[in-house]
């Protein structure tokens, strides 16, 4: 395999979903024994959709994944939040303790549904907005 340039790597990363990118970051941290800086949902800067009536709701393509409650398995929910967001333990715990709070903002439908499924399988209660 030929060595990839920085631009090639960036283009490859653009193809990944947020969950895949999060998994990559975790693996990178393990392999190289480093900790990446925790990005705070870069998608949060995306502009909010205007109030255009029912038609906008049907064609919504940007979702916020909101943790409503951690449930009985709070530690598992914290682990899932960390996996989805690349937050550190303290930040993820604070987010879970502060429920209801947004885990992901401005995510596409597929990513939002996967995140909801992962958090709910860990015992949390999630809504998509």
N, C-alpha and C. Protein backbone atom coordinates (compact mmCIF):
# COMPACT_ATOMS: atom_id res chain seq x y z
N UNK A 1 0.85 -1.19 0.00
CA UNK A 1 0.00 0.00 0.00
C UNK A 1 0.89 1.24 0.00
N UNK A 2 0.58 2.15 -0.90
CA UNK A 2 1.35 3.38 -1.00
C UNK A 2 1.02 4.29 0.18
N UNK A 3 1.98 5.10 0.56
CA UNK A 3 1.76 6.05 1.66
C UNK A 3 0.77 7.12 1.22
N UNK A 4 -0.22 7.40 2.09
CA UNK A 4 -1.24 8.39 1.77
C UNK A 4 -0.77 9.78 2.20
N UNK A 5 -1.10 10.77 1.40
CA UNK A 5 -0.77 12.14 1.77
C UNK A 5 -1.78 12.64 2.79
N UNK A 6 -1.48 13.75 3.41
CA UNK A 6 -2.39 14.35 4.38
C UNK A 6 -3.74 14.65 3.72
N UNK A 7 -3.72 15.17 2.50
CA UNK A 7 -4.96 15.47 1.79
C UNK A 7 -5.77 14.20 1.53
N UNK A 8 -5.07 13.10 1.18
CA UNK A 8 -5.76 11.83 0.95
C UNK A 8 -6.44 11.35 2.24
N UNK A 9 -5.74 11.49 3.36
CA UNK A 9 -6.31 11.09 4.64
C UNK A 9 -7.55 11.92 4.98
N UNK A 10 -7.45 13.23 4.77
CA UNK A 10 -8.59 14.11 5.05
C UNK A 10 -9.79 13.71 4.20
N UNK A 11 -9.56 13.43 2.93
CA UNK A 11 -10.65 13.02 2.05
C UNK A 11 -11.27 11.70 2.53
N UNK A 12 -10.43 10.77 3.02
CA UNK A 12 -10.94 9.50 3.54
C UNK A 12 -11.78 9.73 4.79
N UNK A 13 -11.35 10.65 5.66
CA UNK A 13 -12.10 10.95 6.88
C UNK A 13 -13.45 11.58 6.56
N UNK A 14 -13.52 12.36 5.50
CA UNK A 14 -14.78 13.00 5.12
C UNK A 14 -15.84 11.97 4.77
N UNK A 15 -15.42 10.78 4.35
CA UNK A 15 -16.34 9.72 3.97
C UNK A 15 -16.95 9.03 5.19
N UNK A 16 -16.35 9.18 6.37
CA UNK A 16 -16.79 8.47 7.57
C UNK A 16 -17.96 9.17 8.25
N UNK A 17 -18.82 8.36 8.89
CA UNK A 17 -19.88 8.93 9.72
C UNK A 17 -19.26 9.36 11.04
N UNK A 18 -20.01 10.11 11.84
CA UNK A 18 -19.50 10.54 13.15
C UNK A 18 -19.14 9.35 14.02
N UNK A 19 -19.96 8.31 13.98
CA UNK A 19 -19.70 7.13 14.80
C UNK A 19 -18.42 6.44 14.33
N UNK A 20 -18.24 6.28 13.01
CA UNK A 20 -17.03 5.65 12.49
C UNK A 20 -15.80 6.48 12.84
N UNK A 21 -15.92 7.79 12.75
CA UNK A 21 -14.80 8.66 13.08
C UNK A 21 -14.47 8.57 14.57
N UNK A 22 -15.49 8.49 15.40
CA UNK A 22 -15.28 8.34 16.84
C UNK A 22 -14.55 7.04 17.14
N UNK A 23 -14.96 5.95 16.46
CA UNK A 23 -14.30 4.66 16.65
C UNK A 23 -12.84 4.73 16.20
N UNK A 24 -12.59 5.44 15.10
CA UNK A 24 -11.22 5.60 14.63
C UNK A 24 -10.36 6.33 15.67
N UNK A 25 -10.91 7.41 16.22
CA UNK A 25 -10.16 8.20 17.21
C UNK A 25 -9.82 7.33 18.43
N UNK A 26 -10.78 6.53 18.89
CA UNK A 26 -10.52 5.65 20.03
C UNK A 26 -9.40 4.66 19.71
N UNK A 27 -9.45 4.06 18.53
CA UNK A 27 -8.42 3.09 18.11
C UNK A 27 -7.06 3.78 17.98
N UNK A 28 -7.05 4.98 17.40
CA UNK A 28 -5.81 5.75 17.25
C UNK A 28 -5.20 6.03 18.61
N UNK A 29 -6.04 6.44 19.57
CA UNK A 29 -5.56 6.72 20.93
C UNK A 29 -4.95 5.48 21.57
N UNK A 30 -5.60 4.31 21.35
CA UNK A 30 -5.08 3.06 21.91
C UNK A 30 -3.74 2.68 21.29
N UNK A 31 -3.68 2.69 19.96
CA UNK A 31 -2.48 2.26 19.25
C UNK A 31 -1.28 3.15 19.56
N UNK A 32 -1.49 4.47 19.57
CA UNK A 32 -0.38 5.40 19.76
C UNK A 32 -0.25 5.93 21.19
N UNK A 33 -1.13 5.41 22.08
CA UNK A 33 -1.09 5.78 23.49
C UNK A 33 -1.10 7.30 23.68
N UNK A 34 -2.05 7.95 23.01
CA UNK A 34 -2.22 9.40 23.12
C UNK A 34 -3.69 9.69 23.41
N UNK A 35 -3.98 10.93 23.74
CA UNK A 35 -5.35 11.37 23.93
C UNK A 35 -5.60 12.54 23.00
N UNK A 36 -6.61 12.39 22.15
CA UNK A 36 -6.97 13.47 21.23
C UNK A 36 -7.78 14.52 21.98
N UNK A 37 -7.66 15.76 21.59
CA UNK A 37 -8.46 16.82 22.20
C UNK A 37 -9.93 16.52 21.95
N UNK A 38 -10.76 16.74 22.94
CA UNK A 38 -12.19 16.43 22.83
C UNK A 38 -12.92 17.54 22.09
N UNK A 39 -13.35 17.28 20.85
CA UNK A 39 -14.11 18.31 20.14
C UNK A 39 -15.52 18.39 20.68
N UNK A 40 -16.03 19.59 20.83
CA UNK A 40 -17.40 19.76 21.30
C UNK A 40 -18.26 19.92 20.06
N UNK A 41 -19.03 18.92 19.77
CA UNK A 41 -19.90 18.83 18.59
C UNK A 41 -19.70 19.98 17.60
N UNK A 42 -18.80 19.79 16.67
CA UNK A 42 -18.51 20.81 15.67
C UNK A 42 -19.76 21.16 14.88
N UNK A 43 -20.66 20.21 14.77
CA UNK A 43 -21.90 20.45 14.03
C UNK A 43 -22.81 21.43 14.76
N UNK A 44 -22.51 21.77 15.99
CA UNK A 44 -23.37 22.69 16.76
C UNK A 44 -23.43 24.07 16.09
N UNK A 45 -22.44 24.39 15.30
CA UNK A 45 -22.42 25.69 14.64
C UNK A 45 -23.33 25.74 13.42
N UNK A 46 -23.93 24.58 13.04
CA UNK A 46 -24.82 24.54 11.89
C UNK A 46 -26.04 25.42 12.15
N UNK A 47 -26.46 26.16 11.14
CA UNK A 47 -27.61 27.04 11.34
C UNK A 47 -28.89 26.26 11.59
N UNK A 48 -29.75 26.77 12.46
CA UNK A 48 -31.02 26.11 12.76
C UNK A 48 -32.00 26.35 11.62
N UNK A 49 -32.84 25.37 11.36
CA UNK A 49 -33.84 25.49 10.30
C UNK A 49 -34.91 26.49 10.72
N UNK A 50 -35.37 27.30 9.78
CA UNK A 50 -36.41 28.27 10.08
C UNK A 50 -37.74 27.60 10.29
N UNK A 51 -38.72 28.32 10.82
CA UNK A 51 -40.04 27.78 11.07
C UNK A 51 -40.85 27.87 9.77
N UNK A 52 -40.79 26.79 8.98
CA UNK A 52 -41.46 26.80 7.68
C UNK A 52 -42.71 25.95 7.66
N UNK A 53 -43.20 25.50 8.79
CA UNK A 53 -44.42 24.70 8.83
C UNK A 53 -44.13 23.21 8.75
N UNK A 54 -45.18 22.42 8.47
CA UNK A 54 -45.09 20.96 8.46
C UNK A 54 -44.15 20.40 7.42
N UNK A 55 -44.00 21.07 6.30
CA UNK A 55 -43.15 20.55 5.23
C UNK A 55 -41.70 20.44 5.67
N UNK A 56 -41.22 21.37 6.47
CA UNK A 56 -39.85 21.35 6.96
C UNK A 56 -39.62 20.12 7.84
N UNK A 57 -40.58 19.78 8.68
CA UNK A 57 -40.44 18.65 9.58
C UNK A 57 -40.32 17.34 8.79
N UNK A 58 -41.04 17.22 7.68
CA UNK A 58 -40.99 16.00 6.89
C UNK A 58 -39.65 15.83 6.20
N UNK A 59 -39.01 16.91 5.82
CA UNK A 59 -37.77 16.84 5.08
C UNK A 59 -36.56 17.18 5.95
N UNK A 60 -36.70 17.04 7.24
CA UNK A 60 -35.62 17.36 8.16
C UNK A 60 -34.42 16.46 7.87
N UNK A 61 -33.24 17.07 7.75
CA UNK A 61 -32.04 16.28 7.49
C UNK A 61 -30.96 16.51 8.54
N UNK A 62 -31.27 17.28 9.56
CA UNK A 62 -30.34 17.56 10.63
C UNK A 62 -31.05 17.31 11.96
N UNK A 63 -30.46 16.43 12.78
CA UNK A 63 -31.12 16.02 14.01
C UNK A 63 -30.22 16.27 15.22
N UNK A 64 -30.87 16.58 16.34
CA UNK A 64 -30.17 16.66 17.62
C UNK A 64 -30.53 15.40 18.40
N UNK A 65 -29.53 14.70 18.92
CA UNK A 65 -29.75 13.52 19.74
C UNK A 65 -29.71 14.01 21.19
N UNK A 66 -30.87 13.96 21.86
CA UNK A 66 -31.00 14.50 23.21
C UNK A 66 -31.20 13.37 24.22
N UNK A 67 -30.29 13.29 25.18
CA UNK A 67 -30.42 12.32 26.26
C UNK A 67 -31.41 12.87 27.27
N UNK A 68 -32.54 12.18 27.44
CA UNK A 68 -33.58 12.63 28.37
C UNK A 68 -33.30 12.14 29.79
N UNK A 69 -32.83 10.88 29.90
CA UNK A 69 -32.53 10.30 31.21
C UNK A 69 -31.52 9.17 31.04
N UNK A 70 -30.67 8.97 32.05
CA UNK A 70 -29.64 7.93 31.99
C UNK A 70 -30.19 6.56 32.34
N UNK A 71 -31.26 6.48 33.11
CA UNK A 71 -31.82 5.19 33.49
C UNK A 71 -30.99 4.52 34.59
N UNK A 72 -31.17 3.22 34.73
CA UNK A 72 -30.50 2.47 35.79
C UNK A 72 -29.03 2.20 35.52
N UNK A 73 -28.64 2.16 34.24
CA UNK A 73 -27.27 1.79 33.87
C UNK A 73 -26.48 3.03 33.45
N UNK A 74 -26.33 3.96 34.37
CA UNK A 74 -25.69 5.25 34.08
C UNK A 74 -24.27 5.08 33.54
N UNK A 75 -23.51 4.15 34.09
CA UNK A 75 -22.12 3.95 33.65
C UNK A 75 -22.08 3.52 32.19
N UNK A 76 -22.99 2.62 31.79
CA UNK A 76 -23.04 2.18 30.39
C UNK A 76 -23.41 3.34 29.47
N UNK A 77 -24.34 4.17 29.93
CA UNK A 77 -24.75 5.33 29.13
C UNK A 77 -23.58 6.30 28.97
N UNK A 78 -22.82 6.51 30.05
CA UNK A 78 -21.65 7.39 29.97
C UNK A 78 -20.65 6.84 28.96
N UNK A 79 -20.44 5.53 28.95
CA UNK A 79 -19.51 4.90 27.99
C UNK A 79 -19.97 5.15 26.56
N UNK A 80 -21.28 5.01 26.31
CA UNK A 80 -21.80 5.24 24.96
C UNK A 80 -21.66 6.70 24.56
N UNK A 81 -21.93 7.62 25.48
CA UNK A 81 -21.79 9.05 25.19
C UNK A 81 -20.34 9.35 24.84
N UNK A 82 -19.40 8.77 25.58
CA UNK A 82 -17.97 8.97 25.28
C UNK A 82 -17.63 8.45 23.89
N UNK A 83 -18.17 7.26 23.56
CA UNK A 83 -17.89 6.66 22.25
C UNK A 83 -18.43 7.51 21.11
N UNK A 84 -19.59 8.11 21.32
CA UNK A 84 -20.23 8.90 20.27
C UNK A 84 -19.63 10.29 20.11
N UNK A 85 -19.09 10.85 21.18
CA UNK A 85 -18.68 12.25 21.15
C UNK A 85 -17.19 12.48 21.29
N UNK A 86 -16.42 11.49 21.69
CA UNK A 86 -14.99 11.63 21.98
C UNK A 86 -14.75 12.56 23.17
N UNK A 87 -15.76 12.71 24.04
CA UNK A 87 -15.59 13.51 25.25
C UNK A 87 -14.77 12.70 26.26
N UNK A 88 -14.13 13.39 27.16
CA UNK A 88 -13.42 12.72 28.24
C UNK A 88 -14.43 12.20 29.25
N UNK A 89 -13.95 11.41 30.20
CA UNK A 89 -14.84 10.82 31.19
C UNK A 89 -15.61 11.89 31.98
N UNK A 90 -14.91 12.92 32.43
CA UNK A 90 -15.56 13.97 33.22
C UNK A 90 -16.63 14.71 32.44
N UNK A 91 -16.32 15.04 31.18
CA UNK A 91 -17.29 15.77 30.35
C UNK A 91 -18.51 14.90 30.05
N UNK A 92 -18.27 13.61 29.73
CA UNK A 92 -19.38 12.70 29.43
C UNK A 92 -20.26 12.50 30.66
N UNK A 93 -19.64 12.35 31.83
CA UNK A 93 -20.40 12.18 33.07
C UNK A 93 -21.24 13.43 33.34
N UNK A 94 -20.65 14.60 33.15
CA UNK A 94 -21.38 15.85 33.37
C UNK A 94 -22.57 15.96 32.41
N UNK A 95 -22.37 15.56 31.16
CA UNK A 95 -23.44 15.61 30.18
C UNK A 95 -24.58 14.67 30.59
N UNK A 96 -24.24 13.44 31.01
CA UNK A 96 -25.25 12.47 31.43
C UNK A 96 -25.94 12.94 32.71
N UNK A 97 -25.17 13.45 33.67
CA UNK A 97 -25.76 13.95 34.92
C UNK A 97 -26.67 15.14 34.68
N UNK A 98 -26.39 15.92 33.64
CA UNK A 98 -27.17 17.11 33.34
C UNK A 98 -28.37 16.87 32.45
N UNK A 99 -28.73 15.58 32.22
CA UNK A 99 -29.84 15.25 31.33
C UNK A 99 -31.11 15.98 31.79
N UNK A 100 -31.92 16.48 30.89
CA UNK A 100 -31.81 16.33 29.44
C UNK A 100 -30.74 17.24 28.84
N UNK A 101 -29.94 16.65 27.96
CA UNK A 101 -28.89 17.41 27.30
C UNK A 101 -28.58 16.80 25.94
N UNK A 102 -28.11 17.63 25.01
CA UNK A 102 -27.80 17.18 23.66
C UNK A 102 -26.48 16.43 23.64
N UNK A 103 -26.52 15.22 23.07
CA UNK A 103 -25.32 14.41 22.91
C UNK A 103 -24.67 14.76 21.57
N UNK A 104 -25.47 14.79 20.52
CA UNK A 104 -25.01 15.18 19.19
C UNK A 104 -25.95 16.26 18.67
N UNK A 105 -25.41 17.23 17.98
CA UNK A 105 -26.22 18.29 17.38
C UNK A 105 -25.92 18.36 15.89
N UNK A 106 -26.95 18.52 15.09
CA UNK A 106 -26.78 18.67 13.65
C UNK A 106 -26.35 17.40 12.96
N UNK A 107 -26.65 16.23 13.54
CA UNK A 107 -26.26 14.95 12.94
C UNK A 107 -27.23 14.58 11.82
N UNK A 108 -26.74 13.80 10.84
CA UNK A 108 -27.65 13.34 9.80
C UNK A 108 -28.55 12.24 10.38
N UNK A 109 -29.58 11.88 9.65
CA UNK A 109 -30.60 10.95 10.16
C UNK A 109 -29.98 9.61 10.55
N UNK A 110 -29.14 9.06 9.68
CA UNK A 110 -28.54 7.74 9.94
C UNK A 110 -27.69 7.76 11.22
N UNK A 111 -26.85 8.76 11.36
CA UNK A 111 -25.99 8.88 12.54
C UNK A 111 -26.83 9.08 13.80
N UNK A 112 -27.86 9.91 13.71
CA UNK A 112 -28.72 10.18 14.87
C UNK A 112 -29.45 8.91 15.31
N UNK A 113 -29.95 8.13 14.34
CA UNK A 113 -30.66 6.90 14.69
C UNK A 113 -29.72 5.87 15.31
N UNK A 114 -28.50 5.76 14.78
CA UNK A 114 -27.51 4.83 15.35
C UNK A 114 -27.15 5.24 16.77
N UNK A 115 -26.96 6.53 16.98
CA UNK A 115 -26.62 7.03 18.32
C UNK A 115 -27.76 6.75 19.29
N UNK A 116 -29.00 7.00 18.85
CA UNK A 116 -30.16 6.75 19.70
C UNK A 116 -30.22 5.27 20.08
N UNK A 117 -30.02 4.41 19.10
CA UNK A 117 -30.05 2.97 19.34
C UNK A 117 -28.97 2.54 20.33
N UNK A 118 -27.76 3.08 20.18
CA UNK A 118 -26.65 2.72 21.07
C UNK A 118 -26.93 3.16 22.51
N UNK A 119 -27.41 4.37 22.68
CA UNK A 119 -27.66 4.89 24.03
C UNK A 119 -28.84 4.14 24.67
N UNK A 120 -29.88 3.88 23.87
CA UNK A 120 -31.03 3.16 24.42
C UNK A 120 -30.67 1.72 24.79
N UNK A 121 -29.79 1.09 24.00
CA UNK A 121 -29.37 -0.28 24.33
C UNK A 121 -28.55 -0.29 25.62
N UNK A 122 -27.94 0.83 25.97
CA UNK A 122 -27.18 0.94 27.22
C UNK A 122 -28.09 1.29 28.40
N UNK A 123 -29.36 1.62 28.12
CA UNK A 123 -30.30 1.90 29.20
C UNK A 123 -30.78 3.33 29.30
N UNK A 124 -30.33 4.21 28.40
CA UNK A 124 -30.73 5.61 28.44
C UNK A 124 -32.02 5.86 27.66
N UNK A 125 -32.62 7.02 27.89
CA UNK A 125 -33.81 7.44 27.17
C UNK A 125 -33.40 8.61 26.28
N UNK A 126 -33.70 8.47 24.96
CA UNK A 126 -33.24 9.46 23.99
C UNK A 126 -34.39 9.92 23.11
N UNK A 127 -34.36 11.20 22.73
CA UNK A 127 -35.28 11.70 21.72
C UNK A 127 -34.47 12.37 20.62
N UNK A 128 -35.02 12.34 19.41
CA UNK A 128 -34.40 13.01 18.29
C UNK A 128 -35.22 14.27 18.00
N UNK A 129 -34.54 15.38 17.87
CA UNK A 129 -35.24 16.66 17.60
C UNK A 129 -34.72 17.26 16.33
